[in-house]
Amino acid sequence: MSIALAAGANDEHLQLPVPVGFQLTQQTVSGIEMLPPGESTDHWTRRITTQVYQGMAGPGFYDDYRARIEAVNKKDCDDTASSTINEDKVDGLPSHVWLQACRFKSPSSPPHYAFLRLVQSGRNAYVIMEELAHHPQDTETADAITVLLSAKVVHGAANDTAAPAPAHGASVAADGEILMQSIPIGFKVINQGKTLRGVEITEMIPQDDAPDNWTQKITSQVYVGMTDTSADGFKKLFVQGEKGICDHARTKDISDGMKYGHAFQVWSQTCQQDADHASESVYFKYIKGKDSSYIVRWTYRDAPTREQADAAIEYLDRVRLCDNRSPDNRCPP
């Protein structure tokens, strides 16, 4: 996996891995642009950019920058929304992640969604942004946040290459973690591989459903190497990201704790984009592993019955990690 670089003052560099499905189209001292193959700066469906503000870091820079972005959106868009996703220190540096949404009344004008992260070092400020010219689909919100959090500020000489991630995350090693989940009766696997961001993914739907027209879907995602976010913090990323793209988003905590030596969170989210769309319900389970982070979710396209909701919760309760490095949690032979 190649790494794109942008230079700051004081021998600093912003490193950002080029995600699978993207290519580096521009790279200057102060910024980077990445696009899917075949797309251009003037015509794109997704775009990743960075900007370096040398010597401009300070207590008020984040508030001023976000206010300027929101002012532009209010001027140019028929409907705007701004939602904070995460505010924390990452690698010891102040980091802010938020979503800006811009929508238009005309059907011919596509919406614009931007996931942004602003990081400040001692003197420099860095903005990483992923833009979508459509409403975020299924895993795109989580994938965009993954890209933003993969950016790192480094000091000294920077390398322009990095070792590729393992093909199947932690489960590739016999002595590593394995996510244990079953295929429910009446379901089939329709996708198993990597997303555009290199996240391991498996998708299952009912036998009679089609990949582009499903009523239920079970999705598991392995965020390889992402272990520096707590279970509660990872949940907040999903919850805040969903609130930014849904007109009516509701969240309900179901359970949390430790099982087999791993922290977990289970919760549900209901999303209704507008009055013309049915209410979609999703049941999540997050597990924090030693090697990676894991999300399994059961999505109902329409509001589930009580029996369906119970089935999803019971299924997620059985999903767990095994690890042959742990004598008390070894994987089945």
C-alpha atoms as a PDB file:
ATOM      1  CA  MET A   1       0.000   0.000   0.000  1.00  0.00           C
ATOM      2  CA  SER A   2       1.516   3.345  -0.966  1.00  0.00           C
ATOM      3  CA  ILE A   3       1.459   6.345   1.341  1.00  0.00           C
ATOM      4  CA  ALA A   4       0.727   9.917   0.281  1.00  0.00           C
ATOM      5  CA  LEU A   5       2.640  12.710   2.010  1.00  0.00           C
ATOM      6  CA  ALA A   6       2.004  16.383   2.714  1.00  0.00           C
ATOM      7  CA  ALA A   7       4.654  18.515   4.388  1.00  0.00           C
ATOM      8  CA  GLY A   8       4.201  20.831   7.339  1.00  0.00           C
ATOM      9  CA  ALA A   9       6.669  23.128   9.054  1.00  0.00           C
ATOM     10  CA  ASN A  10       9.203  21.898  11.652  1.00  0.00           C
ATOM     11  CA  ASP A  11      10.058  18.757   9.645  1.00  0.00           C
ATOM     12  CA  GLU A  12       6.530  17.369  10.023  1.00  0.00           C
ATOM     13  CA  HIS A  13       4.665  15.260   7.464  1.00  0.00           C
ATOM     14  CA  LEU A  14       1.067  14.093   7.191  1.00  0.00           C
ATOM     15  CA  GLN A  15       0.986  10.439   6.125  1.00  0.00           C
ATOM     16  CA  LEU A  16      -2.174   9.004   4.565  1.00  0.00           C
ATOM     17  CA  PRO A  17      -2.338   5.476   3.102  1.00  0.00           C
ATOM     18  CA  VAL A  18      -3.854   5.393  -0.400  1.00  0.00           C
ATOM     19  CA  PRO A  19      -7.014   3.266   0.094  1.00  0.00           C
ATOM     20  CA  VAL A  20      -7.841   0.306  -2.127  1.00  0.00           C
ATOM     21  CA  GLY A  21      -9.910   1.571  -5.072  1.00  0.00           C
ATOM     22  CA  PHE A  22      -8.268   5.013  -5.120  1.00  0.00           C
ATOM     23  CA  GLN A  23      -5.260   6.479  -6.868  1.00  0.00           C
ATOM     24  CA  LEU A  24      -3.145   9.515  -6.097  1.00  0.00           C
ATOM     25  CA  THR A  25      -4.033  12.226  -8.633  1.00  0.00           C
ATOM     26  CA  GLN A  26      -2.329  15.284  -7.110  1.00  0.00           C
ATOM     27  CA  GLN A  27       0.438  15.731  -4.562  1.00  0.00           C
ATOM     28  CA  THR A  28       1.940  19.092  -3.620  1.00  0.00           C
ATOM     29  CA  VAL A  29       3.785  20.344  -0.568  1.00  0.00           C
ATOM     30  CA  SER A  30       0.531  21.598   0.952  1.00  0.00           C
ATOM     31  CA  GLY A  31      -2.008  19.010  -0.142  1.00  0.00           C
ATOM     32  CA  ILE A  32      -3.059  15.692  -1.668  1.00  0.00           C
ATOM     33  CA  GLU A  33      -5.943  14.536  -3.871  1.00  0.00           C
ATOM     34  CA  MET A  34      -7.055  10.930  -4.435  1.00  0.00           C
ATOM     35  CA  LEU A  35      -9.816   9.720  -6.776  1.00  0.00           C
ATOM     36  CA  PRO A  36     -11.216   6.379  -7.948  1.00  0.00           C
ATOM     37  CA  PRO A  37      -9.672   5.236 -11.258  1.00  0.00           C
ATOM     38  CA  GLY A  38     -11.317   6.851 -14.288  1.00  0.00           C
ATOM     39  CA  GLU A  39     -12.610   9.877 -12.370  1.00  0.00           C
ATOM     40  CA  SER A  40     -11.280  13.416 -12.641  1.00  0.00           C
ATOM     41  CA  THR A  41     -11.043  16.533 -10.488  1.00  0.00           C
ATOM     42  CA  ASP A  42     -13.992  17.996 -12.418  1.00  0.00           C
ATOM     43  CA  HIS A  43     -16.167  14.864 -12.327  1.00  0.00           C
ATOM     44  CA  TRP A  44     -16.023  12.488  -9.363  1.00  0.00           C
ATOM     45  CA  THR A  45     -18.282  10.393  -7.141  1.00  0.00           C
ATOM     46  CA  ARG A  46     -15.818  10.203  -4.234  1.00  0.00           C
ATOM     47  CA  ARG A  47     -12.748  12.292  -3.440  1.00  0.00           C
ATOM     48  CA  ILE A  48     -10.144  12.352  -0.678  1.00  0.00           C
ATOM     49  CA  THR A  49      -8.135  15.534  -0.127  1.00  0.00           C
ATOM     50  CA  THR A  50      -5.787  16.963   2.481  1.00  0.00           C
ATOM     51  CA  GLN A  51      -4.695  20.489   3.238  1.00  0.00           C
ATOM     52  CA  VAL A  52      -1.771  21.684   5.365  1.00  0.00           C
ATOM     53  CA  TYR A  53      -2.026  25.019   7.208  1.00  0.00           C
ATOM     54  CA  GLN A  54       1.565  25.741   8.219  1.00  0.00           C
ATOM     55  CA  GLY A  55       2.042  27.685  11.439  1.00  0.00           C
ATOM     56  CA  MET A  56      -1.700  28.217  11.920  1.00  0.00           C
ATOM     57  CA  ALA A  57      -2.465  25.774  14.740  1.00  0.00           C
ATOM     58  CA  GLY A  58      -4.002  27.328  17.812  1.00  0.00           C
ATOM     59  CA  PRO A  59      -6.929  27.188  20.263  1.00  0.00           C
ATOM     60  CA  GLY A  60      -9.370  28.920  17.897  1.00  0.00           C
ATOM     61  CA  PHE A  61      -8.380  27.421  14.545  1.00  0.00           C
ATOM     62  CA  TYR A  62     -10.811  24.466  14.609  1.00  0.00           C
ATOM     63  CA  ASP A  63     -13.823  26.624  15.521  1.00  0.00           C
ATOM     64  CA  ASP A  64     -12.930  29.214  12.870  1.00  0.00           C
ATOM     65  CA  TYR A  65     -12.331  26.610  10.155  1.00  0.00           C
ATOM     66  CA  ARG A  66     -15.573  24.742  10.827  1.00  0.00           C
ATOM     67  CA  ALA A  67     -17.537  28.003  10.963  1.00  0.00           C
ATOM     68  CA  ARG A  68     -16.181  28.981   7.526  1.00  0.00           C
ATOM     69  CA  ILE A  69     -17.200  25.601   6.048  1.00  0.00           C
ATOM     70  CA  GLU A  70     -20.697  25.867   7.534  1.00  0.00           C
ATOM     71  CA  ALA A  71     -21.092  29.439   6.235  1.00  0.00           C
ATOM     72  CA  VAL A  72     -20.251  28.354   2.677  1.00  0.00           C
ATOM     73  CA  ASN A  73     -22.746  25.483   2.886  1.00  0.00           C
ATOM     74  CA  LYS A  74     -25.532  27.726   4.169  1.00  0.00           C
ATOM     75  CA  LYS A  75     -24.917  30.081   1.261  1.00  0.00           C
ATOM     76  CA  ASP A  76     -24.750  27.448  -1.509  1.00  0.00           C
ATOM     77  CA  CYS A  77     -27.134  24.683  -0.335  1.00  0.00           C
ATOM     78  CA  ASP A  78     -30.897  24.449   0.060  1.00  0.00           C
ATOM     79  CA  ASP A  79     -30.538  22.276   3.168  1.00  0.00           C
ATOM     80  CA  THR A  80     -27.442  21.859   5.337  1.00  0.00           C
ATOM     81  CA  ALA A  81     -26.441  19.860   8.385  1.00  0.00           C
ATOM     82  CA  SER A  82     -23.301  19.628  10.490  1.00  0.00           C
ATOM     83  CA  SER A  83     -22.728  16.803  12.968  1.00  0.00           C
ATOM     84  CA  THR A  84     -19.793  16.171  15.308  1.00  0.00           C
ATOM     85  CA  ILE A  85     -18.590  12.568  15.127  1.00  0.00           C
ATOM     86  CA  ASN A  86     -15.556  12.495  17.401  1.00  0.00           C
ATOM     87  CA  GLU A  87     -13.434  14.912  19.438  1.00  0.00           C
ATOM     88  CA  ASP A  88     -10.426  13.388  21.146  1.00  0.00           C
ATOM     89  CA  LYS A  89      -6.645  13.174  21.191  1.00  0.00           C
ATOM     90  CA  VAL A  90      -5.136  10.725  18.698  1.00  0.00           C
ATOM     91  CA  ASP A  91      -1.428   9.943  19.049  1.00  0.00           C
ATOM     92  CA  GLY A  92      -1.357  12.764  21.594  1.00  0.00           C
ATOM     93  CA  LEU A  93      -2.656  15.411  19.148  1.00  0.00           C
ATOM     94  CA  PRO A  94      -6.047  17.191  19.289  1.00  0.00           C
ATOM     95  CA  SER A  95      -8.337  15.630  16.646  1.00  0.00           C
ATOM     96  CA  HIS A  96     -11.846  16.614  15.524  1.00  0.00           C
ATOM     97  CA  VAL A  97     -14.023  14.539  13.151  1.00  0.00           C
ATOM     98  CA  TRP A  98     -17.327  15.849  11.808  1.00  0.00           C
ATOM     99  CA  LEU A  99     -19.782  15.558   8.910  1.00  0.00           C
ATOM    100  CA  GLN A 100     -21.015  18.352   6.661  1.00  0.00           C
ATOM    101  CA  ALA A 101     -24.101  17.640   4.547  1.00  0.00           C
ATOM    102  CA  CYS A 102     -25.327  19.775   1.661  1.00  0.00           C
ATOM    103  CA  ARG A 103     -28.600  18.925  -0.108  1.00  0.00           C
ATOM    104  CA  PHE A 104     -30.569  20.562  -2.914  1.00  0.00           C
ATOM    105  CA  LYS A 105     -34.274  20.654  -3.751  1.00  0.00           C
ATOM    106  CA  SER A 106     -33.669  19.976  -7.439  1.00  0.00           C
ATOM    107  CA  PRO A 107     -33.475  16.208  -8.226  1.00  0.00           C
ATOM    108  CA  SER A 108     -30.870  16.977 -10.883  1.00  0.00           C
ATOM    109  CA  SER A 109     -28.453  18.372  -8.292  1.00  0.00           C
ATOM    110  CA  PRO A 110     -26.704  15.569  -6.368  1.00  0.00           C
ATOM    111  CA  PRO A 111     -26.189  16.003  -2.631  1.00  0.00           C
ATOM    112  CA  HIS A 112     -22.731  16.599  -1.210  1.00  0.00           C
ATOM    113  CA  TYR A 113     -21.498  14.892   1.951  1.00  0.00           C
ATOM    114  CA  ALA A 114     -18.078  15.632   3.429  1.00  0.00           C
ATOM    115  CA  PHE A 115     -16.432  13.758   6.298  1.00  0.00           C
ATOM    116  CA  LEU A 116     -13.692  15.952   7.765  1.00  0.00           C
ATOM    117  CA  ARG A 117     -10.928  15.517  10.319  1.00  0.00           C
ATOM    118  CA  LEU A 118      -8.788  18.370  11.629  1.00  0.00           C
ATOM    119  CA  VAL A 119      -5.561  17.523  13.489  1.00  0.00           C
ATOM    120  CA  GLN A 120      -3.322  20.100  15.162  1.00  0.00           C
ATOM    121  CA  SER A 121       0.308  19.644  16.108  1.00  0.00           C
ATOM    122  CA  GLY A 122       2.421  22.241  17.894  1.00  0.00           C
ATOM    123  CA  ARG A 123       2.369  24.728  14.991  1.00  0.00           C
ATOM    124  CA  ASN A 124       0.600  23.133  12.022  1.00  0.00           C
ATOM    125  CA  ALA A 125      -3.009  22.230  11.309  1.00  0.00           C
ATOM    126  CA  TYR A 126      -3.964  19.406   8.940  1.00  0.00           C
ATOM    127  CA  VAL A 127      -7.381  18.787   7.353  1.00  0.00           C
ATOM    128  CA  ILE A 128      -8.272  15.410   5.832  1.00  0.00           C
ATOM    129  CA  MET A 129     -11.577  15.255   3.949  1.00  0.00           C
ATOM    130  CA  GLU A 130     -13.514  12.536   2.129  1.00  0.00           C
ATOM    131  CA  GLU A 131     -16.345  13.820  -0.065  1.00  0.00           C
ATOM    132  CA  LEU A 132     -19.236  11.883  -1.612  1.00  0.00           C
ATOM    133  CA  ALA A 133     -21.512  13.140  -4.395  1.00  0.00           C
ATOM    134  CA  HIS A 134     -24.357  10.947  -3.102  1.00  0.00           C
ATOM    135  CA  HIS A 135     -25.998   9.907   0.149  1.00  0.00           C
ATOM    136  CA  PRO A 136     -23.561   7.576   1.997  1.00  0.00           C
ATOM    137  CA  GLN A 137     -24.455   3.957   1.338  1.00  0.00           C
ATOM    138  CA  ASP A 138     -24.328   1.057   3.822  1.00  0.00           C
ATOM    139  CA  THR A 139     -20.644   0.823   4.869  1.00  0.00           C
ATOM    140  CA  GLU A 140     -19.469   4.147   3.374  1.00  0.00           C
ATOM    141  CA  THR A 141     -19.825   6.148   6.597  1.00  0.00           C
ATOM    142  CA  ALA A 142     -17.629   3.736   8.568  1.00  0.00           C
ATOM    143  CA  ASP A 143     -15.183   3.450   5.668  1.00  0.00           C
ATOM    144  CA  ALA A 144     -14.803   7.225   5.428  1.00  0.00           C
ATOM    145  CA  ILE A 145     -14.131   7.522   9.165  1.00  0.00           C
ATOM    146  CA  THR A 146     -11.548   4.727   8.852  1.00  0.00           C
ATOM    147  CA  VAL A 147      -9.714   6.705   6.153  1.00  0.00           C
ATOM    148  CA  LEU A 148      -9.697   9.884   8.255  1.00  0.00           C
ATOM    149  CA  LEU A 149      -8.358   8.104  11.333  1.00  0.00           C
ATOM    150  CA  SER A 150      -5.607   6.382   9.325  1.00  0.00           C
ATOM    151  CA  ALA A 151      -3.869   9.726   8.716  1.00  0.00           C
ATOM    152  CA  LYS A 152      -0.872  10.333  10.994  1.00  0.00           C
ATOM    153  CA  VAL A 153       1.411  13.276  11.679  1.00  0.00           C
ATOM    154  CA  VAL A 154       5.033  12.086  11.689  1.00  0.00           C
ATOM    155  CA  HIS A 155       8.338  13.832  12.329  1.00  0.00           C
ATOM    156  CA  GLY A 156      11.639  13.553  10.499  1.00  0.00           C
ATOM    157  CA  ALA A 157      12.289  11.749   7.215  1.00  0.00           C
ATOM    158  CA  ALA A 158       9.138  10.144   5.821  1.00  0.00           C
ATOM    159  CA  ASN A 159       8.866   6.876   3.932  1.00  0.00           C
ATOM    160  CA  ASP A 160       6.779   6.664   0.798  1.00  0.00           C
ATOM    161  CA  THR A 161       5.920   2.984   1.101  1.00  0.00           C
ATOM    162  CA  ALA A 162       4.574   0.723   3.796  1.00  0.00           C
ATOM    163  CA  ALA A 163       4.182  -2.991   4.234  1.00  0.00           C
ATOM    164  CA  PRO A 164       0.806  -4.264   2.971  1.00  0.00           C
ATOM    165  CA  ALA A 165      -1.774  -5.348   5.502  1.00  0.00           C
ATOM    166  CA  PRO A 166      -2.408  -9.096   5.932  1.00  0.00           C
ATOM    167  CA  ALA A 167      -4.865 -10.462   3.396  1.00  0.00           C
ATOM    168  CA  HIS A 168      -7.431 -11.505   5.991  1.00  0.00           C
ATOM    169  CA  GLY A 169      -6.657  -9.377   9.008  1.00  0.00           C
ATOM    170  CA  ALA A 170      -6.014 -11.107  12.306  1.00  0.00           C
ATOM    171  CA  SER A 171      -7.715 -14.321  11.220  1.00  0.00           C
ATOM    172  CA  VAL A 172      -4.931 -15.082   8.742  1.00  0.00           C
ATOM    173  CA  ALA A 173      -2.611 -16.346  11.498  1.00  0.00           C
ATOM    174  CA  ALA A 174      -3.193 -19.652  13.271  1.00  0.00           C
ATOM    175  CA  ASP A 175      -2.102 -18.024  16.540  1.00  0.00           C
ATOM    176  CA  GLY A 176      -4.207 -14.885  16.085  1.00  0.00           C
ATOM    177  CA  GLU A 177      -7.814 -13.832  16.536  1.00  0.00           C
ATOM    178  CA  ILE A 178     -10.711 -15.355  14.634  1.00  0.00           C
ATOM    179  CA  LEU A 179     -14.200 -13.862  14.504  1.00  0.00           C
ATOM    180  CA  MET A 180     -16.614 -16.711  15.151  1.00  0.00           C
ATOM    181  CA  GLN A 181     -20.057 -16.291  13.621  1.00  0.00           C
ATOM    182  CA  SER A 182     -22.447 -18.681  11.922  1.00  0.00           C
ATOM    183  CA  ILE A 183     -24.530 -18.407   8.746  1.00  0.00           C
ATOM    184  CA  PRO A 184     -28.138 -18.368  10.001  1.00  0.00           C
ATOM    185  CA  ILE A 185     -30.548 -20.932   8.573  1.00  0.00           C
ATOM    186  CA  GLY A 186     -32.119 -19.510   5.414  1.00  0.00           C
ATOM    187  CA  PHE A 187     -29.234 -17.100   4.687  1.00  0.00           C
ATOM    188  CA  LYS A 188     -26.507 -17.074   2.031  1.00  0.00           C
ATOM    189  CA  VAL A 189     -23.156 -15.321   1.693  1.00  0.00           C
ATOM    190  CA  ILE A 190     -23.163 -12.757  -1.134  1.00  0.00           C
ATOM    191  CA  ASN A 191     -19.864 -10.984  -0.542  1.00  0.00           C
ATOM    192  CA  GLN A 192     -16.599 -11.813   1.166  1.00  0.00           C
ATOM    193  CA  GLY A 193     -13.487  -9.726   0.645  1.00  0.00           C
ATOM    194  CA  LYS A 194     -12.357  -6.153   1.174  1.00  0.00           C
ATOM    195  CA  THR A 195     -14.123  -2.825   0.948  1.00  0.00           C
ATOM    196  CA  LEU A 196     -12.603   0.110  -0.918  1.00  0.00           C
ATOM    197  CA  ARG A 197     -10.810   1.029   2.320  1.00  0.00           C
ATOM    198  CA  GLY A 198      -9.205  -2.380   2.830  1.00  0.00           C
ATOM    199  CA  VAL A 199     -11.622  -3.366   5.623  1.00  0.00           C
ATOM    200  CA  GLU A 200     -12.393  -7.102   5.679  1.00  0.00           C
ATOM    201  CA  ILE A 201     -16.114  -7.624   5.011  1.00  0.00           C
ATOM    202  CA  THR A 202     -18.640 -10.473   4.838  1.00  0.00           C
ATOM    203  CA  GLU A 203     -22.278  -9.951   3.830  1.00  0.00           C
ATOM    204  CA  MET A 204     -25.205 -12.370   4.142  1.00  0.00           C
ATOM    205  CA  ILE A 205     -28.842 -12.037   3.053  1.00  0.00           C
ATOM    206  CA  PRO A 206     -31.910 -14.355   3.008  1.00  0.00           C
ATOM    207  CA  GLN A 207     -31.822 -17.083   0.336  1.00  0.00           C
ATOM    208  CA  ASP A 208     -34.723 -15.569  -1.629  1.00  0.00           C
ATOM    209  CA  ASP A 209     -33.370 -11.991  -1.570  1.00  0.00           C
ATOM    210  CA  ALA A 210     -31.183 -10.387  -4.246  1.00  0.00           C
ATOM    211  CA  PRO A 211     -27.940  -8.471  -3.539  1.00  0.00           C
ATOM    212  CA  ASP A 212     -29.515  -5.246  -4.810  1.00  0.00           C
ATOM    213  CA  ASN A 213     -32.953  -5.859  -3.301  1.00  0.00           C
ATOM    214  CA  TRP A 214     -32.734  -7.348   0.185  1.00  0.00           C
ATOM    215  CA  THR A 215     -35.001  -7.260   3.220  1.00  0.00           C
ATOM    216  CA  GLN A 216     -32.344  -8.234   5.788  1.00  0.00           C
ATOM    217  CA  LYS A 217     -28.558  -8.194   5.739  1.00  0.00           C
ATOM    218  CA  ILE A 218     -25.879  -9.373   8.164  1.00  0.00           C
ATOM    219  CA  THR A 219     -22.571  -7.565   7.708  1.00  0.00           C
ATOM    220  CA  SER A 220     -19.307  -8.215   9.526  1.00  0.00           C
ATOM    221  CA  GLN A 221     -16.306  -5.910   9.214  1.00  0.00           C
ATOM    222  CA  VAL A 222     -12.746  -6.359  10.468  1.00  0.00           C
ATOM    223  CA  TYR A 223     -10.809  -3.118  10.951  1.00  0.00           C
ATOM    224  CA  VAL A 224      -7.334  -4.570  10.687  1.00  0.00           C
ATOM    225  CA  GLY A 225      -4.858  -3.132  13.183  1.00  0.00           C
ATOM    226  CA  MET A 226      -7.306  -0.577  14.590  1.00  0.00           C
ATOM    227  CA  THR A 227      -7.001  -1.132  18.335  1.00  0.00           C
ATOM    228  CA  ASP A 228      -6.438   2.351  19.757  1.00  0.00           C
ATOM    229  CA  THR A 229     -10.169   3.176  20.031  1.00  0.00           C
ATOM    230  CA  SER A 230     -12.246   2.023  23.010  1.00  0.00           C
ATOM    231  CA  ALA A 231     -15.483   0.058  22.592  1.00  0.00           C
ATOM    232  CA  ASP A 232     -17.487   3.108  23.667  1.00  0.00           C
ATOM    233  CA  GLY A 233     -15.454   5.374  21.384  1.00  0.00           C
ATOM    234  CA  PHE A 234     -15.992   3.128  18.354  1.00  0.00           C
ATOM    235  CA  LYS A 235     -19.715   3.019  19.055  1.00  0.00           C
ATOM    236  CA  LYS A 236     -19.831   6.828  19.224  1.00  0.00           C
ATOM    237  CA  LEU A 237     -18.236   7.033  15.767  1.00  0.00           C
ATOM    238  CA  PHE A 238     -21.096   4.977  14.297  1.00  0.00           C
ATOM    239  CA  VAL A 239     -23.825   6.738  16.275  1.00  0.00           C
ATOM    240  CA  GLN A 240     -22.677  10.267  15.437  1.00  0.00           C
ATOM    241  CA  GLY A 241     -22.000   9.353  11.805  1.00  0.00           C
ATOM    242  CA  GLU A 242     -25.549   7.998  11.449  1.00  0.00           C
ATOM    243  CA  LYS A 243     -27.100  11.073  13.058  1.00  0.00           C
ATOM    244  CA  GLY A 244     -25.388  13.219  10.465  1.00  0.00           C
ATOM    245  CA  ILE A 245     -27.048  11.482   7.506  1.00  0.00           C
ATOM    246  CA  CYS A 246     -30.513  10.706   8.939  1.00  0.00           C
ATOM    247  CA  ASP A 247     -33.299  13.172   9.563  1.00  0.00           C
ATOM    248  CA  HIS A 248     -34.664  10.962  12.367  1.00  0.00           C
ATOM    249  CA  ALA A 249     -31.990   8.803  14.007  1.00  0.00           C
ATOM    250  CA  ARG A 250     -32.549   6.977  17.307  1.00  0.00           C
ATOM    251  CA  THR A 251     -30.095   4.882  19.302  1.00  0.00           C
ATOM    252  CA  LYS A 252     -30.777   2.346  22.065  1.00  0.00           C
ATOM    253  CA  ASP A 253     -28.126   0.694  24.246  1.00  0.00           C
ATOM    254  CA  ILE A 254     -28.667  -3.051  24.672  1.00  0.00           C
ATOM    255  CA  SER A 255     -25.636  -4.502  26.481  1.00  0.00           C
ATOM    256  CA  ASP A 256     -21.924  -4.042  27.111  1.00  0.00           C
ATOM    257  CA  GLY A 257     -19.128  -5.603  29.124  1.00  0.00           C
ATOM    258  CA  MET A 258     -16.338  -8.165  28.786  1.00  0.00           C
ATOM    259  CA  LYS A 259     -16.586 -11.650  27.268  1.00  0.00           C
ATOM    260  CA  TYR A 260     -13.726 -14.055  26.653  1.00  0.00           C
ATOM    261  CA  GLY A 261     -11.326 -11.266  27.574  1.00  0.00           C
ATOM    262  CA  HIS A 262     -12.656  -8.762  25.026  1.00  0.00           C
ATOM    263  CA  ALA A 263     -14.690  -5.591  25.564  1.00  0.00           C
ATOM    264  CA  PHE A 264     -17.951  -5.403  23.599  1.00  0.00           C
ATOM    265  CA  GLN A 265     -20.924  -3.125  22.988  1.00  0.00           C
ATOM    266  CA  VAL A 266     -24.367  -4.028  21.580  1.00  0.00           C
ATOM    267  CA  TRP A 267     -26.808  -1.342  20.488  1.00  0.00           C
ATOM    268  CA  SER A 268     -29.502  -0.590  17.926  1.00  0.00           C
ATOM    269  CA  GLN A 269     -29.990   2.361  15.599  1.00  0.00           C
ATOM    270  CA  THR A 270     -33.082   3.370  13.685  1.00  0.00           C
ATOM    271  CA  CYS A 271     -32.694   5.654  10.696  1.00  0.00           C
ATOM    272  CA  GLN A 272     -35.399   7.352   8.683  1.00  0.00           C
ATOM    273  CA  GLN A 273     -34.000   9.690   6.027  1.00  0.00           C
ATOM    274  CA  ASP A 274     -37.309  11.434   5.364  1.00  0.00           C
ATOM    275  CA  ALA A 275     -41.050  10.875   5.239  1.00  0.00           C
ATOM    276  CA  ASP A 276     -40.793   9.092   1.866  1.00  0.00           C
ATOM    277  CA  HIS A 277     -38.398   6.386   3.108  1.00  0.00           C
ATOM    278  CA  ALA A 278     -39.151   3.434   5.373  1.00  0.00           C
ATOM    279  CA  SER A 279     -37.508   3.272   8.780  1.00  0.00           C
ATOM    280  CA  GLU A 280     -34.344   1.113   8.656  1.00  0.00           C
ATOM    281  CA  SER A 281     -33.246  -0.648  11.847  1.00  0.00           C
ATOM    282  CA  VAL A 282     -29.733  -1.917  12.555  1.00  0.00           C
ATOM    283  CA  TYR A 283     -28.491  -4.038  15.468  1.00  0.00           C
ATOM    284  CA  PHE A 284     -24.749  -3.673  16.126  1.00  0.00           C
ATOM    285  CA  LYS A 285     -22.131  -5.577  18.070  1.00  0.00           C
ATOM    286  CA  TYR A 286     -18.629  -4.168  18.435  1.00  0.00           C
ATOM    287  CA  ILE A 287     -15.764  -6.275  19.794  1.00  0.00           C
ATOM    288  CA  LYS A 288     -12.376  -4.795  20.646  1.00  0.00           C
ATOM    289  CA  GLY A 289      -9.708  -7.363  19.883  1.00  0.00           C
ATOM    290  CA  LYS A 290      -5.997  -7.394  20.586  1.00  0.00           C
ATOM    291  CA  ASP A 291      -5.170  -7.300  16.852  1.00  0.00           C
ATOM    292  CA  SER A 292      -8.154  -5.549  15.266  1.00  0.00           C
ATOM    293  CA  SER A 293     -11.624  -4.126  15.883  1.00  0.00           C
ATOM    294  CA  TYR A 294     -14.764  -5.967  14.778  1.00  0.00           C
ATOM    295  CA  ILE A 295     -18.281  -4.820  13.924  1.00  0.00           C
ATOM    296  CA  VAL A 296     -21.160  -7.204  13.180  1.00  0.00           C
ATOM    297  CA  ARG A 297     -24.569  -5.798  12.315  1.00  0.00           C
ATOM    298  CA  TRP A 298     -27.971  -7.161  11.399  1.00  0.00           C
ATOM    299  CA  THR A 299     -29.931  -4.692   9.275  1.00  0.00           C
ATOM    300  CA  TYR A 300     -33.668  -4.743   8.615  1.00  0.00           C
ATOM    301  CA  ARG A 301     -34.716  -2.656   5.627  1.00  0.00           C
ATOM    302  CA  ASP A 302     -38.128  -2.109   7.293  1.00  0.00           C
ATOM    303  CA  ALA A 303     -39.041  -1.917  10.972  1.00  0.00           C
ATOM    304  CA  PRO A 304     -38.611  -5.429  12.461  1.00  0.00           C
ATOM    305  CA  THR A 305     -41.189  -7.364  14.459  1.00  0.00           C
ATOM    306  CA  ARG A 306     -40.459  -8.175  18.095  1.00  0.00           C
ATOM    307  CA  GLU A 307     -39.474 -11.719  17.070  1.00  0.00           C
ATOM    308  CA  GLN A 308     -37.085 -10.396  14.398  1.00  0.00           C
ATOM    309  CA  ALA A 309     -35.478  -7.974  16.836  1.00  0.00           C
ATOM    310  CA  ASP A 310     -34.976 -10.775  19.373  1.00  0.00           C
ATOM    311  CA  ALA A 311     -33.445 -13.000  16.679  1.00  0.00           C
ATOM    312  CA  ALA A 312     -30.896 -10.339  15.787  1.00  0.00           C
ATOM    313  CA  ILE A 313     -29.925  -9.733  19.438  1.00  0.00           C
ATOM    314  CA  GLU A 314     -29.600 -13.466  20.141  1.00  0.00           C
ATOM    315  CA  TYR A 315     -27.444 -13.931  17.033  1.00  0.00           C
ATOM    316  CA  LEU A 316     -25.115 -11.076  18.002  1.00  0.00           C
ATOM    317  CA  ASP A 317     -24.833 -12.453  21.533  1.00  0.00           C
ATOM    318  CA  ARG A 318     -23.329 -15.667  20.090  1.00  0.00           C
ATOM    319  CA  VAL A 319     -20.759 -13.823  17.935  1.00  0.00           C
ATOM    320  CA  ARG A 320     -17.361 -13.772  19.647  1.00  0.00           C
ATOM    321  CA  LEU A 321     -13.610 -13.886  19.173  1.00  0.00           C
ATOM    322  CA  CYS A 322     -11.416 -16.890  19.802  1.00  0.00           C
ATOM    323  CA  ASP A 323      -7.650 -16.666  20.114  1.00  0.00           C
ATOM    324  CA  ASN A 324      -5.183 -19.556  20.197  1.00  0.00           C
ATOM    325  CA  ARG A 325      -2.761 -17.387  22.161  1.00  0.00           C
ATOM    326  CA  SER A 326      -5.181 -17.497  25.098  1.00  0.00           C
ATOM    327  CA  PRO A 327      -5.373 -20.846  26.958  1.00  0.00           C
ATOM    328  CA  ASP A 328      -8.907 -20.018  28.129  1.00  0.00           C
ATOM    329  CA  ASN A 329     -10.196 -18.940  24.718  1.00  0.00           C
ATOM    330  CA  ARG A 330      -8.673 -21.250  22.164  1.00  0.00           C
ATOM    331  CA  CYS A 331     -10.385 -21.693  18.795  1.00  0.00           C
ATOM    332  CA  PRO A 332     -12.264 -24.936  18.061  1.00  0.00           C
ATOM    333  CA  PRO A 333     -10.168 -27.467  16.079  1.00  0.00           C
END
